[in-house]
Structures are given as structure tokens and as C-alpha cells.
Amino acid sequence: MAIPASLEEFQRRWQEFRAGVEHEEIADTLELVPHAVSEDSLSFAMPLVDRLRQAGGMFSATALFGAADLTGTYLAMQVLSEEGKFPLAVQASTNFLANTTEGTAVATARLLRGGRTVAVAQVSVTDTAGKHLAEAVFTYVLK
């Protein structure tokens, strides 16, 4: 399988994937929704809702990290699923650059390397105006 060719295909695949999950999980908490695709990336949007705010009213670091993690993992699953392996995160590095008290965060993942046993994804998190909120790199072992 490859990156979805259109936003509609991305939305369909996401709905199919979510239908196969038998319990509530972190994507529900973060309210992630497919946002965009390109030939080498995909993006999820995450609204700033009360449960994702830290005391100052901005996105919590855990919410921004979670959006980045799930976006990178889902991209790796899409690109590497023909191998029949799941991308298990074994290392993550995240820099939090800014924050916002309103709107939506958009996490965009690109696969830097997709080998037989290891994959590396870079995820940029911005607000809808393009302000850079976080930058993350994830290393996955393919299990």
C-alpha cells in the first residue's frame, strides 16, 4: 500500500482502520481527523479542545506529541503495510517550538527512511496559519 492518492481515500482508509479498533484509544481522545495528503506526506488535524489544554490554555505537550506520534505511525503503516509488519516506535525526539491558545494543530508526516527492519519519520506540527509548534523524528522497528 502507498500513501493515499486523495483526501477522500485517506478519509476512507482512516474510517476502515478505526472500525477495526475494538476499544477507545488515543486517536479518539485527540480527535484526530485526516487533513491532507501529498505524494510524500499525510496530515492529521487536531482541534484545541478543553481536555487537550494545559493550565495556560494552550495545547499540552502530550497532545502535540501524541498527534505527531500517531501521524508518523499511521504514515509508516500505510507505506510499509505490504511487508505485513507494524511500526513500533523505539525512539522519539521532539522539539516544542511555540504554542497557541486557539484553533487547530496540523501534524504532517514524511517518511525519511523505510527499510526492511527500521523506518524513520519526520513530523512537523503547525497551526492552521502555518506557525511551527513542534518538530519530531520517530524511529520505528518493523515488527
N, C-alpha and C. Protein backbone atom coordinates (compact mmCIF):
# COMPACT_ATOMS: atom_id res chain seq x y z
N MET A 1 0.86 -1.17 0.00
CA MET A 1 0.00 0.00 0.00
C MET A 1 0.90 1.23 0.00
N ALA A 2 0.40 2.32 -0.47
CA ALA A 2 1.15 3.56 -0.52
C ALA A 2 0.35 4.66 0.18
N ILE A 3 0.91 5.84 0.20
CA ILE A 3 0.19 7.00 0.74
C ILE A 3 -1.09 7.15 -0.06
N PRO A 4 -2.21 7.43 0.59
CA PRO A 4 -3.46 7.62 -0.16
C PRO A 4 -3.30 8.68 -1.24
N ALA A 5 -3.95 8.46 -2.37
CA ALA A 5 -3.82 9.36 -3.52
C ALA A 5 -4.65 10.63 -3.37
N SER A 6 -5.64 10.61 -2.48
CA SER A 6 -6.51 11.78 -2.32
C SER A 6 -6.97 11.86 -0.87
N LEU A 7 -7.48 13.02 -0.49
CA LEU A 7 -8.01 13.18 0.85
C LEU A 7 -9.18 12.23 1.08
N GLU A 8 -10.01 12.03 0.06
CA GLU A 8 -11.15 11.12 0.19
C GLU A 8 -10.68 9.69 0.47
N GLU A 9 -9.64 9.25 -0.23
CA GLU A 9 -9.10 7.91 0.02
C GLU A 9 -8.50 7.82 1.42
N PHE A 10 -7.82 8.86 1.84
CA PHE A 10 -7.25 8.93 3.19
C PHE A 10 -8.37 8.81 4.22
N GLN A 11 -9.44 9.56 4.05
CA GLN A 11 -10.58 9.50 4.98
C GLN A 11 -11.20 8.11 5.01
N ARG A 12 -11.34 7.48 3.85
CA ARG A 12 -11.92 6.14 3.78
C ARG A 12 -11.03 5.13 4.51
N ARG A 13 -9.72 5.16 4.24
CA ARG A 13 -8.80 4.23 4.90
C ARG A 13 -8.80 4.44 6.42
N TRP A 14 -8.83 5.70 6.84
CA TRP A 14 -8.84 6.00 8.27
C TRP A 14 -10.10 5.44 8.92
N GLN A 15 -11.25 5.62 8.27
CA GLN A 15 -12.50 5.08 8.80
C GLN A 15 -12.45 3.56 8.88
N GLU A 16 -11.90 2.90 7.87
CA GLU A 16 -11.77 1.44 7.89
C GLU A 16 -10.84 1.00 9.01
N PHE A 17 -9.72 1.69 9.17
CA PHE A 17 -8.78 1.36 10.24
C PHE A 17 -9.46 1.51 11.60
N ARG A 18 -10.14 2.65 11.81
CA ARG A 18 -10.79 2.92 13.08
C ARG A 18 -11.90 1.92 13.37
N ALA A 19 -12.60 1.45 12.34
CA ALA A 19 -13.66 0.46 12.53
C ALA A 19 -13.10 -0.86 13.05
N GLY A 20 -11.84 -1.14 12.74
CA GLY A 20 -11.20 -2.37 13.19
C GLY A 20 -10.65 -2.31 14.60
N VAL A 21 -10.65 -1.14 15.21
CA VAL A 21 -10.16 -0.98 16.58
C VAL A 21 -11.35 -1.19 17.52
N GLU A 22 -11.23 -2.18 18.41
CA GLU A 22 -12.37 -2.59 19.23
C GLU A 22 -12.51 -1.82 20.54
N HIS A 23 -11.68 -0.84 20.77
CA HIS A 23 -11.75 -0.09 22.02
C HIS A 23 -11.45 1.39 21.75
N GLU A 24 -11.82 2.23 22.68
CA GLU A 24 -11.47 3.65 22.55
C GLU A 24 -9.97 3.78 22.75
N GLU A 25 -9.34 4.60 21.96
CA GLU A 25 -7.90 4.76 22.11
C GLU A 25 -7.50 6.21 21.90
N ILE A 26 -6.23 6.48 21.88
CA ILE A 26 -5.72 7.85 21.92
C ILE A 26 -6.19 8.71 20.75
N ALA A 27 -6.40 8.13 19.58
CA ALA A 27 -6.89 8.92 18.44
C ALA A 27 -8.27 9.51 18.74
N ASP A 28 -9.07 8.80 19.54
CA ASP A 28 -10.37 9.33 19.97
C ASP A 28 -10.17 10.53 20.90
N THR A 29 -9.28 10.38 21.86
CA THR A 29 -9.02 11.45 22.81
C THR A 29 -8.52 12.71 22.10
N LEU A 30 -7.62 12.54 21.14
CA LEU A 30 -7.04 13.67 20.42
C LEU A 30 -7.95 14.23 19.33
N GLU A 31 -9.02 13.51 19.02
CA GLU A 31 -9.97 13.91 17.97
C GLU A 31 -9.28 14.14 16.62
N LEU A 32 -8.33 13.27 16.29
CA LEU A 32 -7.61 13.40 15.02
C LEU A 32 -8.52 13.12 13.84
N VAL A 33 -8.40 13.94 12.81
CA VAL A 33 -9.14 13.73 11.56
C VAL A 33 -8.18 13.92 10.39
N PRO A 34 -8.33 13.12 9.33
CA PRO A 34 -7.49 13.31 8.15
C PRO A 34 -7.63 14.74 7.64
N HIS A 35 -6.49 15.34 7.30
CA HIS A 35 -6.48 16.75 6.90
C HIS A 35 -6.01 16.95 5.46
N ALA A 36 -4.92 16.28 5.08
CA ALA A 36 -4.37 16.48 3.73
C ALA A 36 -3.42 15.33 3.39
N VAL A 37 -3.19 15.16 2.09
CA VAL A 37 -2.19 14.21 1.60
C VAL A 37 -1.44 14.85 0.45
N SER A 38 -0.22 14.38 0.23
CA SER A 38 0.56 14.74 -0.95
C SER A 38 1.27 13.47 -1.39
N GLU A 39 2.09 13.56 -2.39
CA GLU A 39 2.76 12.34 -2.87
C GLU A 39 3.74 11.77 -1.85
N ASP A 40 4.20 12.58 -0.88
CA ASP A 40 5.16 12.07 0.09
C ASP A 40 4.79 12.35 1.55
N SER A 41 3.56 12.79 1.80
CA SER A 41 3.19 13.09 3.19
C SER A 41 1.69 12.92 3.41
N LEU A 42 1.34 12.85 4.68
CA LEU A 42 -0.07 12.92 5.07
C LEU A 42 -0.17 13.71 6.36
N SER A 43 -1.34 14.32 6.58
CA SER A 43 -1.55 15.20 7.73
C SER A 43 -2.85 14.88 8.44
N PHE A 44 -2.80 14.95 9.76
CA PHE A 44 -3.99 14.89 10.60
C PHE A 44 -4.18 16.25 11.26
N ALA A 45 -5.44 16.65 11.46
CA ALA A 45 -5.76 17.86 12.21
C ALA A 45 -6.27 17.48 13.59
N MET A 46 -5.95 18.33 14.57
CA MET A 46 -6.36 18.11 15.96
C MET A 46 -6.89 19.43 16.53
N PRO A 47 -8.16 19.48 16.90
CA PRO A 47 -8.71 20.73 17.43
C PRO A 47 -8.24 20.98 18.87
N LEU A 48 -8.13 22.25 19.22
CA LEU A 48 -7.79 22.60 20.59
C LEU A 48 -9.07 22.58 21.43
N VAL A 49 -9.33 21.44 22.04
CA VAL A 49 -10.49 21.27 22.91
C VAL A 49 -10.01 21.28 24.36
N ASP A 50 -10.91 21.50 25.29
CA ASP A 50 -10.53 21.67 26.70
C ASP A 50 -9.65 20.54 27.24
N ARG A 51 -9.96 19.30 26.92
CA ARG A 51 -9.19 18.19 27.51
C ARG A 51 -7.75 18.13 26.99
N LEU A 52 -7.43 18.87 25.92
CA LEU A 52 -6.07 18.88 25.37
C LEU A 52 -5.28 20.11 25.80
N ARG A 53 -5.88 20.97 26.60
CA ARG A 53 -5.22 22.21 27.04
C ARG A 53 -4.39 21.97 28.30
N GLN A 54 -3.27 22.70 28.39
CA GLN A 54 -2.52 22.75 29.65
C GLN A 54 -3.04 23.93 30.45
N ALA A 55 -2.48 24.17 31.63
CA ALA A 55 -3.02 25.19 32.54
C ALA A 55 -3.09 26.59 31.93
N GLY A 56 -2.19 26.92 31.02
CA GLY A 56 -2.19 28.23 30.38
C GLY A 56 -3.17 28.36 29.24
N GLY A 57 -3.93 27.29 28.96
CA GLY A 57 -4.93 27.33 27.91
C GLY A 57 -4.43 26.92 26.53
N MET A 58 -3.16 26.59 26.42
CA MET A 58 -2.58 26.17 25.14
C MET A 58 -2.61 24.65 25.03
N PHE A 59 -2.22 24.13 23.85
CA PHE A 59 -2.08 22.69 23.70
C PHE A 59 -1.10 22.16 24.73
N SER A 60 -1.41 21.03 25.35
CA SER A 60 -0.44 20.38 26.22
C SER A 60 0.64 19.75 25.34
N ALA A 61 1.83 19.63 25.89
CA ALA A 61 2.92 18.99 25.15
C ALA A 61 2.55 17.55 24.80
N THR A 62 1.84 16.87 25.70
CA THR A 62 1.47 15.48 25.42
C THR A 62 0.51 15.39 24.24
N ALA A 63 -0.37 16.37 24.07
CA ALA A 63 -1.28 16.35 22.92
C ALA A 63 -0.51 16.56 21.63
N LEU A 64 0.42 17.52 21.61
CA LEU A 64 1.21 17.77 20.40
C LEU A 64 2.07 16.55 20.07
N PHE A 65 2.69 15.95 21.11
CA PHE A 65 3.49 14.74 20.90
C PHE A 65 2.61 13.61 20.38
N GLY A 66 1.43 13.43 20.98
CA GLY A 66 0.53 12.36 20.56
C GLY A 66 0.11 12.50 19.11
N ALA A 67 -0.22 13.71 18.69
CA ALA A 67 -0.60 13.93 17.29
C ALA A 67 0.56 13.60 16.37
N ALA A 68 1.77 14.01 16.75
CA ALA A 68 2.95 13.70 15.94
C ALA A 68 3.19 12.19 15.87
N ASP A 69 3.12 11.53 17.02
CA ASP A 69 3.35 10.09 17.09
C ASP A 69 2.36 9.32 16.22
N LEU A 70 1.08 9.60 16.37
CA LEU A 70 0.07 8.87 15.60
C LEU A 70 0.18 9.16 14.11
N THR A 71 0.52 10.38 13.75
CA THR A 71 0.65 10.72 12.33
C THR A 71 1.83 9.98 11.71
N GLY A 72 2.96 9.98 12.40
CA GLY A 72 4.13 9.25 11.89
C GLY A 72 3.88 7.76 11.80
N THR A 73 3.26 7.21 12.83
CA THR A 73 2.96 5.77 12.84
C THR A 73 2.00 5.40 11.72
N TYR A 74 0.95 6.19 11.55
CA TYR A 74 -0.03 5.87 10.51
C TYR A 74 0.59 5.97 9.12
N LEU A 75 1.45 6.96 8.90
CA LEU A 75 2.14 7.06 7.61
C LEU A 75 2.99 5.82 7.38
N ALA A 76 3.77 5.41 8.37
CA ALA A 76 4.61 4.22 8.22
C ALA A 76 3.76 2.98 7.96
N MET A 77 2.61 2.88 8.62
CA MET A 77 1.71 1.75 8.38
C MET A 77 1.23 1.74 6.93
N GLN A 78 0.89 2.90 6.40
CA GLN A 78 0.39 2.98 5.02
C GLN A 78 1.47 2.60 4.02
N VAL A 79 2.66 3.13 4.20
CA VAL A 79 3.73 2.92 3.24
C VAL A 79 4.32 1.52 3.34
N LEU A 80 4.40 0.97 4.54
CA LEU A 80 5.11 -0.29 4.75
C LEU A 80 4.19 -1.46 5.04
N SER A 81 2.89 -1.31 4.89
CA SER A 81 1.95 -2.37 5.26
C SER A 81 2.07 -3.62 4.40
N GLU A 82 2.58 -3.49 3.19
CA GLU A 82 2.73 -4.67 2.34
C GLU A 82 3.70 -5.67 2.95
N GLU A 83 4.57 -5.19 3.80
CA GLU A 83 5.50 -6.07 4.49
C GLU A 83 4.80 -6.88 5.58
N GLY A 84 3.58 -6.49 5.94
CA GLY A 84 2.83 -7.18 6.98
C GLY A 84 3.38 -6.95 8.37
N LYS A 85 4.09 -5.84 8.56
CA LYS A 85 4.70 -5.54 9.85
C LYS A 85 4.14 -4.24 10.41
N PHE A 86 4.13 -4.15 11.74
CA PHE A 86 3.66 -2.94 12.41
C PHE A 86 4.85 -2.08 12.82
N PRO A 87 4.79 -0.76 12.59
CA PRO A 87 5.89 0.12 13.01
C PRO A 87 5.79 0.44 14.50
N LEU A 88 6.67 -0.14 15.28
CA LEU A 88 6.71 0.06 16.73
C LEU A 88 7.74 1.14 17.05
N ALA A 89 7.31 2.27 17.61
CA ALA A 89 8.23 3.36 17.93
C ALA A 89 9.22 2.92 19.01
N VAL A 90 10.50 3.10 18.73
CA VAL A 90 11.54 2.76 19.70
C VAL A 90 12.36 3.97 20.10
N GLN A 91 12.20 5.08 19.38
CA GLN A 91 12.91 6.30 19.72
C GLN A 91 12.12 7.48 19.19
N ALA A 92 12.08 8.55 19.98
CA ALA A 92 11.40 9.78 19.55
C ALA A 92 12.17 10.98 20.06
N SER A 93 12.26 11.99 19.22
CA SER A 93 12.88 13.25 19.60
C SER A 93 11.94 14.36 19.17
N THR A 94 11.50 15.17 20.12
CA THR A 94 10.55 16.23 19.82
C THR A 94 11.05 17.56 20.36
N ASN A 95 10.99 18.58 19.52
CA ASN A 95 11.27 19.95 19.94
C ASN A 95 9.96 20.72 19.89
N PHE A 96 9.59 21.33 21.01
CA PHE A 96 8.40 22.17 21.07
C PHE A 96 8.86 23.60 20.84
N LEU A 97 8.35 24.22 19.78
CA LEU A 97 8.87 25.50 19.32
C LEU A 97 7.99 26.69 19.67
N ALA A 98 6.70 26.48 19.73
CA ALA A 98 5.73 27.55 20.01
C ALA A 98 4.44 26.88 20.44
N ASN A 99 3.43 27.69 20.73
CA ASN A 99 2.14 27.13 21.10
C ASN A 99 1.06 28.13 20.74
N THR A 100 -0.18 27.73 20.93
CA THR A 100 -1.30 28.59 20.59
C THR A 100 -2.45 28.35 21.56
N THR A 101 -3.29 29.35 21.73
CA THR A 101 -4.44 29.23 22.62
C THR A 101 -5.74 29.06 21.86
N GLU A 102 -5.66 28.89 20.54
CA GLU A 102 -6.89 28.74 19.76
C GLU A 102 -6.61 27.96 18.48
N GLY A 103 -7.68 27.43 17.92
CA GLY A 103 -7.60 26.81 16.60
C GLY A 103 -7.27 25.34 16.60
N THR A 104 -6.56 24.96 15.57
CA THR A 104 -6.29 23.57 15.26
C THR A 104 -4.81 23.37 15.00
N ALA A 105 -4.28 22.24 15.45
CA ALA A 105 -2.90 21.86 15.13
C ALA A 105 -2.96 20.86 13.97
N VAL A 106 -2.00 20.95 13.07
CA VAL A 106 -1.91 20.05 11.93
C VAL A 106 -0.56 19.34 11.98
N ALA A 107 -0.59 18.02 12.10
CA ALA A 107 0.63 17.21 12.12
C ALA A 107 0.83 16.60 10.73
N THR A 108 1.99 16.88 10.13
CA THR A 108 2.31 16.40 8.78
C THR A 108 3.54 15.52 8.84
N ALA A 109 3.41 14.27 8.39
CA ALA A 109 4.50 13.29 8.46
C ALA A 109 5.05 12.99 7.08
N ARG A 110 6.38 12.82 7.04
CA ARG A 110 7.09 12.38 5.85
C ARG A 110 8.00 11.23 6.27
N LEU A 111 8.07 10.21 5.46
CA LEU A 111 8.95 9.08 5.75
C LEU A 111 10.34 9.41 5.24
N LEU A 112 11.32 9.45 6.14
CA LEU A 112 12.70 9.72 5.75
C LEU A 112 13.40 8.46 5.29
N ARG A 113 13.03 7.32 5.91
CA ARG A 113 13.61 6.03 5.52
C ARG A 113 12.61 4.94 5.83
N GLY A 114 12.46 4.03 4.91
CA GLY A 114 11.60 2.88 5.11
C GLY A 114 12.32 1.63 4.64
N GLY A 115 13.03 0.98 5.53
CA GLY A 115 13.78 -0.22 5.18
C GLY A 115 13.03 -1.48 5.56
N ARG A 116 13.77 -2.61 5.57
CA ARG A 116 13.15 -3.90 5.91
C ARG A 116 12.82 -4.00 7.40
N THR A 117 13.68 -3.41 8.24
CA THR A 117 13.50 -3.57 9.68
C THR A 117 13.34 -2.26 10.45
N VAL A 118 13.71 -1.14 9.83
CA VAL A 118 13.66 0.15 10.50
C VAL A 118 13.05 1.20 9.59
N ALA A 119 12.24 2.07 10.17
CA ALA A 119 11.68 3.21 9.44
C ALA A 119 11.89 4.46 10.29
N VAL A 120 12.06 5.60 9.62
CA VAL A 120 12.23 6.88 10.30
C VAL A 120 11.26 7.88 9.68
N ALA A 121 10.48 8.54 10.52
CA ALA A 121 9.52 9.55 10.05
C ALA A 121 9.82 10.89 10.71
N GLN A 122 9.66 11.95 9.93
CA GLN A 122 9.77 13.31 10.43
C GLN A 122 8.36 13.90 10.45
N VAL A 123 7.98 14.52 11.56
CA VAL A 123 6.64 15.08 11.69
C VAL A 123 6.74 16.54 12.12
N SER A 124 6.14 17.41 11.33
CA SER A 124 6.05 18.83 11.67
C SER A 124 4.63 19.11 12.15
N VAL A 125 4.52 19.83 13.25
CA VAL A 125 3.21 20.22 13.77
C VAL A 125 3.12 21.74 13.70
N THR A 126 2.08 22.22 13.01
CA THR A 126 1.87 23.66 12.85
C THR A 126 0.44 24.00 13.26
N ASP A 127 0.16 25.29 13.39
CA ASP A 127 -1.24 25.68 13.50
C ASP A 127 -1.75 25.92 12.08
N THR A 128 -3.01 26.24 11.92
CA THR A 128 -3.57 26.37 10.57
C THR A 128 -3.03 27.58 9.83
N ALA A 129 -2.42 28.53 10.55
CA ALA A 129 -1.79 29.68 9.89
C ALA A 129 -0.35 29.39 9.49
N GLY A 130 0.14 28.18 9.83
CA GLY A 130 1.49 27.78 9.47
C GLY A 130 2.54 28.02 10.54
N LYS A 131 2.14 28.51 11.71
CA LYS A 131 3.09 28.71 12.81
C LYS A 131 3.60 27.35 13.28
N HIS A 132 4.91 27.20 13.33
CA HIS A 132 5.54 25.93 13.68
C HIS A 132 5.45 25.70 15.19
N LEU A 133 4.71 24.67 15.61
CA LEU A 133 4.52 24.37 17.02
C LEU A 133 5.51 23.33 17.54
N ALA A 134 5.80 22.31 16.73
CA ALA A 134 6.70 21.24 17.17
C ALA A 134 7.31 20.55 15.95
N GLU A 135 8.46 19.94 16.18
CA GLU A 135 9.15 19.15 15.16
C GLU A 135 9.59 17.85 15.83
N ALA A 136 9.28 16.72 15.21
CA ALA A 136 9.59 15.43 15.82
C ALA A 136 10.18 14.48 14.79
N VAL A 137 11.03 13.58 15.27
CA VAL A 137 11.56 12.49 14.46
C VAL A 137 11.33 11.20 15.25
N PHE A 138 10.74 10.21 14.58
CA PHE A 138 10.45 8.92 15.20
C PHE A 138 11.20 7.82 14.47
N THR A 139 11.76 6.90 15.24
CA THR A 139 12.38 5.70 14.68
C THR A 139 11.50 4.52 15.06
N TYR A 140 11.18 3.71 14.06
CA TYR A 140 10.31 2.55 14.25
C TYR A 140 11.06 1.27 13.91
N VAL A 141 10.84 0.26 14.73
CA VAL A 141 11.25 -1.10 14.38
C VAL A 141 10.02 -1.75 13.78
N LEU A 142 10.19 -2.42 12.66
CA LEU A 142 9.06 -3.06 11.99
C LEU A 142 8.89 -4.47 12.54
N LYS A 143 7.79 -4.69 13.26
CA LYS A 143 7.52 -5.98 13.92
C LYS A 143 6.38 -6.68 13.23
